[in-house]
N, C-alpha and C. Protein backbone atom coordinates (compact mmCIF):
# COMPACT_ATOMS: atom_id res chain seq x y z
N MET A 1 18.95 18.49 14.32
CA MET A 1 17.94 18.57 13.29
C MET A 1 18.26 19.78 12.42
N SER A 2 18.03 19.64 11.13
CA SER A 2 18.18 20.78 10.23
C SER A 2 16.96 20.86 9.32
N VAL A 3 16.57 22.09 9.01
CA VAL A 3 15.47 22.36 8.09
C VAL A 3 15.99 23.42 7.13
N VAL A 4 16.03 23.08 5.83
CA VAL A 4 16.53 24.02 4.83
C VAL A 4 15.61 24.04 3.63
N ARG A 5 15.55 25.19 3.00
CA ARG A 5 14.79 25.34 1.76
C ARG A 5 15.75 25.08 0.61
N VAL A 6 15.41 24.15 -0.27
CA VAL A 6 16.23 23.84 -1.44
C VAL A 6 15.31 23.93 -2.65
N GLY A 7 15.39 25.05 -3.36
CA GLY A 7 14.52 25.26 -4.51
C GLY A 7 13.07 25.21 -4.10
N PRO A 8 12.27 24.36 -4.75
CA PRO A 8 10.84 24.29 -4.45
C PRO A 8 10.52 23.35 -3.28
N ASN A 9 11.53 22.91 -2.55
CA ASN A 9 11.33 21.94 -1.48
C ASN A 9 11.88 22.42 -0.15
N VAL A 10 11.39 21.79 0.91
CA VAL A 10 11.97 21.92 2.24
C VAL A 10 12.54 20.56 2.59
N GLU A 11 13.80 20.54 3.05
CA GLU A 11 14.42 19.29 3.45
C GLU A 11 14.63 19.31 4.96
N ILE A 12 14.18 18.23 5.60
CA ILE A 12 14.28 18.09 7.05
C ILE A 12 15.13 16.86 7.32
N THR A 13 16.19 17.03 8.11
CA THR A 13 17.07 15.93 8.46
C THR A 13 17.18 15.85 9.98
N VAL A 14 16.97 14.65 10.51
CA VAL A 14 17.13 14.40 11.94
C VAL A 14 18.15 13.28 12.08
N LEU A 15 19.19 13.55 12.87
CA LEU A 15 20.24 12.56 13.11
C LEU A 15 20.25 12.17 14.59
N ASP A 16 20.36 10.89 14.84
CA ASP A 16 20.42 10.33 16.19
C ASP A 16 21.79 9.66 16.32
N ASP A 17 22.49 9.93 17.42
CA ASP A 17 23.82 9.33 17.59
C ASP A 17 23.78 7.91 18.14
N GLY A 18 22.61 7.43 18.51
CA GLY A 18 22.48 6.06 19.00
C GLY A 18 22.80 5.90 20.47
N ALA A 19 23.08 7.00 21.16
CA ALA A 19 23.45 6.91 22.57
C ALA A 19 22.26 6.59 23.47
N GLY A 20 21.05 6.81 22.99
CA GLY A 20 19.87 6.56 23.80
C GLY A 20 19.60 7.68 24.78
N ASP A 21 18.63 7.46 25.64
CA ASP A 21 18.21 8.46 26.60
C ASP A 21 17.88 7.75 27.90
N ASP A 22 18.06 8.43 29.01
CA ASP A 22 17.75 7.83 30.30
C ASP A 22 16.25 7.74 30.56
N ASP A 23 15.48 8.60 29.92
CA ASP A 23 14.03 8.62 30.11
C ASP A 23 13.39 7.49 29.31
N THR A 24 12.42 6.83 29.91
CA THR A 24 11.67 5.82 29.19
C THR A 24 10.49 6.51 28.53
N ILE A 25 10.40 6.37 27.22
CA ILE A 25 9.33 7.01 26.47
C ILE A 25 8.41 5.93 25.93
N GLU A 26 7.14 6.04 26.26
CA GLU A 26 6.15 5.11 25.75
C GLU A 26 5.82 5.48 24.31
N GLY A 27 5.84 4.52 23.41
CA GLY A 27 5.53 4.79 22.01
C GLY A 27 4.03 4.84 21.79
N GLY A 28 3.47 6.03 21.59
CA GLY A 28 2.05 6.16 21.38
C GLY A 28 1.70 6.49 19.94
N GLY A 29 2.73 6.72 19.13
CA GLY A 29 2.49 7.11 17.74
C GLY A 29 2.60 5.93 16.81
N HIS A 30 2.82 6.24 15.54
CA HIS A 30 2.92 5.19 14.53
C HIS A 30 4.32 5.12 13.93
N GLY A 31 5.27 5.76 14.58
CA GLY A 31 6.67 5.66 14.21
C GLY A 31 6.97 6.00 12.76
N LEU A 32 7.91 5.24 12.19
CA LEU A 32 8.36 5.51 10.83
C LEU A 32 7.25 5.30 9.81
N LEU A 33 6.39 4.33 10.03
CA LEU A 33 5.27 4.10 9.10
C LEU A 33 4.36 5.32 9.06
N GLY A 34 4.04 5.88 10.22
CA GLY A 34 3.21 7.07 10.27
C GLY A 34 3.87 8.27 9.61
N MET A 35 5.19 8.42 9.83
CA MET A 35 5.91 9.52 9.18
C MET A 35 5.86 9.36 7.66
N ARG A 36 6.10 8.14 7.20
CA ARG A 36 6.11 7.88 5.76
C ARG A 36 4.73 8.18 5.15
N GLU A 37 3.67 7.79 5.83
CA GLU A 37 2.32 8.06 5.33
C GLU A 37 2.05 9.56 5.23
N ARG A 38 2.45 10.32 6.25
CA ARG A 38 2.21 11.77 6.24
C ARG A 38 3.04 12.47 5.17
N VAL A 39 4.30 12.06 5.02
CA VAL A 39 5.16 12.66 4.00
C VAL A 39 4.63 12.34 2.61
N THR A 40 4.21 11.09 2.40
CA THR A 40 3.66 10.69 1.10
C THR A 40 2.38 11.46 0.80
N ALA A 41 1.54 11.70 1.81
CA ALA A 41 0.30 12.46 1.61
C ALA A 41 0.58 13.88 1.14
N LEU A 42 1.76 14.40 1.49
CA LEU A 42 2.16 15.74 1.07
C LEU A 42 2.99 15.71 -0.22
N ARG A 43 3.04 14.55 -0.86
CA ARG A 43 3.79 14.33 -2.11
C ARG A 43 5.29 14.50 -1.94
N GLY A 44 5.77 14.12 -0.76
CA GLY A 44 7.19 14.20 -0.48
C GLY A 44 7.83 12.82 -0.46
N THR A 45 9.10 12.79 -0.07
CA THR A 45 9.81 11.52 0.06
C THR A 45 10.45 11.45 1.43
N LEU A 46 10.59 10.23 1.92
CA LEU A 46 11.19 9.99 3.23
C LEU A 46 12.20 8.88 3.10
N THR A 47 13.41 9.11 3.59
CA THR A 47 14.41 8.06 3.67
C THR A 47 14.85 7.94 5.11
N THR A 48 15.00 6.71 5.56
CA THR A 48 15.41 6.44 6.94
C THR A 48 16.41 5.30 6.95
N GLY A 49 17.21 5.27 7.97
CA GLY A 49 18.12 4.14 8.09
C GLY A 49 19.24 4.40 9.07
N PRO A 50 19.99 3.35 9.37
CA PRO A 50 21.10 3.48 10.31
C PRO A 50 22.22 4.34 9.73
N ARG A 51 22.94 5.01 10.61
CA ARG A 51 24.09 5.82 10.21
C ARG A 51 25.37 5.02 10.41
N TYR A 52 26.34 5.27 9.57
CA TYR A 52 27.65 4.64 9.72
C TYR A 52 28.23 5.06 11.08
N GLY A 53 28.66 4.12 11.87
CA GLY A 53 29.21 4.42 13.18
C GLY A 53 28.18 4.43 14.30
N GLY A 54 26.92 4.18 13.97
CA GLY A 54 25.87 4.12 14.98
C GLY A 54 24.87 5.25 14.85
N GLY A 55 23.71 5.02 15.36
CA GLY A 55 22.66 6.01 15.31
C GLY A 55 21.73 5.79 14.13
N PHE A 56 20.92 6.79 13.85
CA PHE A 56 19.87 6.68 12.85
C PHE A 56 19.69 8.02 12.16
N ARG A 57 19.23 7.99 10.91
CA ARG A 57 18.99 9.20 10.13
C ARG A 57 17.59 9.16 9.53
N VAL A 58 16.87 10.28 9.65
CA VAL A 58 15.56 10.44 9.02
C VAL A 58 15.67 11.70 8.15
N HIS A 59 15.32 11.55 6.87
CA HIS A 59 15.44 12.68 5.93
C HIS A 59 14.14 12.77 5.12
N ALA A 60 13.48 13.92 5.22
CA ALA A 60 12.23 14.15 4.47
C ALA A 60 12.42 15.30 3.51
N ILE A 61 11.88 15.14 2.30
CA ILE A 61 11.85 16.21 1.31
C ILE A 61 10.39 16.50 1.02
N LEU A 62 9.97 17.73 1.29
CA LEU A 62 8.57 18.12 1.11
C LEU A 62 8.47 19.27 0.13
N PRO A 63 7.59 19.15 -0.88
CA PRO A 63 7.41 20.28 -1.80
C PRO A 63 6.62 21.38 -1.11
N VAL A 64 6.97 22.62 -1.44
CA VAL A 64 6.23 23.75 -0.88
C VAL A 64 5.86 24.69 -2.02
N LYS A 65 4.74 25.34 -1.85
CA LYS A 65 4.31 26.35 -2.82
C LYS A 65 4.73 27.70 -2.29
N SER A 66 5.10 28.58 -3.20
CA SER A 66 5.40 29.94 -2.77
C SER A 66 4.09 30.62 -2.38
N ARG A 67 4.17 31.65 -1.57
CA ARG A 67 2.95 32.36 -1.15
C ARG A 67 2.22 32.96 -2.35
N THR A 68 2.98 33.45 -3.31
CA THR A 68 2.38 34.04 -4.50
C THR A 68 1.58 32.98 -5.24
N ARG A 69 2.16 31.81 -5.44
CA ARG A 69 1.50 30.72 -6.16
C ARG A 69 0.28 30.24 -5.38
N ALA A 70 0.39 30.11 -4.07
CA ALA A 70 -0.75 29.66 -3.26
C ALA A 70 -1.89 30.66 -3.36
N ALA A 71 -1.58 31.96 -3.38
CA ALA A 71 -2.62 32.98 -3.49
C ALA A 71 -3.31 32.90 -4.86
N GLU A 72 -2.53 32.64 -5.91
CA GLU A 72 -3.11 32.50 -7.25
C GLU A 72 -4.02 31.30 -7.33
N ASP A 73 -3.64 30.19 -6.67
CA ASP A 73 -4.46 28.98 -6.68
C ASP A 73 -5.79 29.17 -5.97
N ALA A 74 -5.81 30.06 -4.99
CA ALA A 74 -7.01 30.30 -4.20
C ALA A 74 -8.06 31.09 -4.98
N VAL A 75 -7.64 31.79 -6.03
CA VAL A 75 -8.56 32.65 -6.79
C VAL A 75 -9.36 31.85 -7.77
């Protein structure tokens, strides 16, 4: 996973190699649909899909306000 600041945004990338895991995990969340809804609510974008050679990629771009700007908005 990587999290980087790019200008006015934060970009989050999660890569899965497709190897799986030995642990069985029960899905209690809303998966990709839930992620997309939360990212959209924050006015960001989400791209997901299979990776060449196997695995999966999730990439979110979220806008962030600087602390100075957030403080000005609060006044």
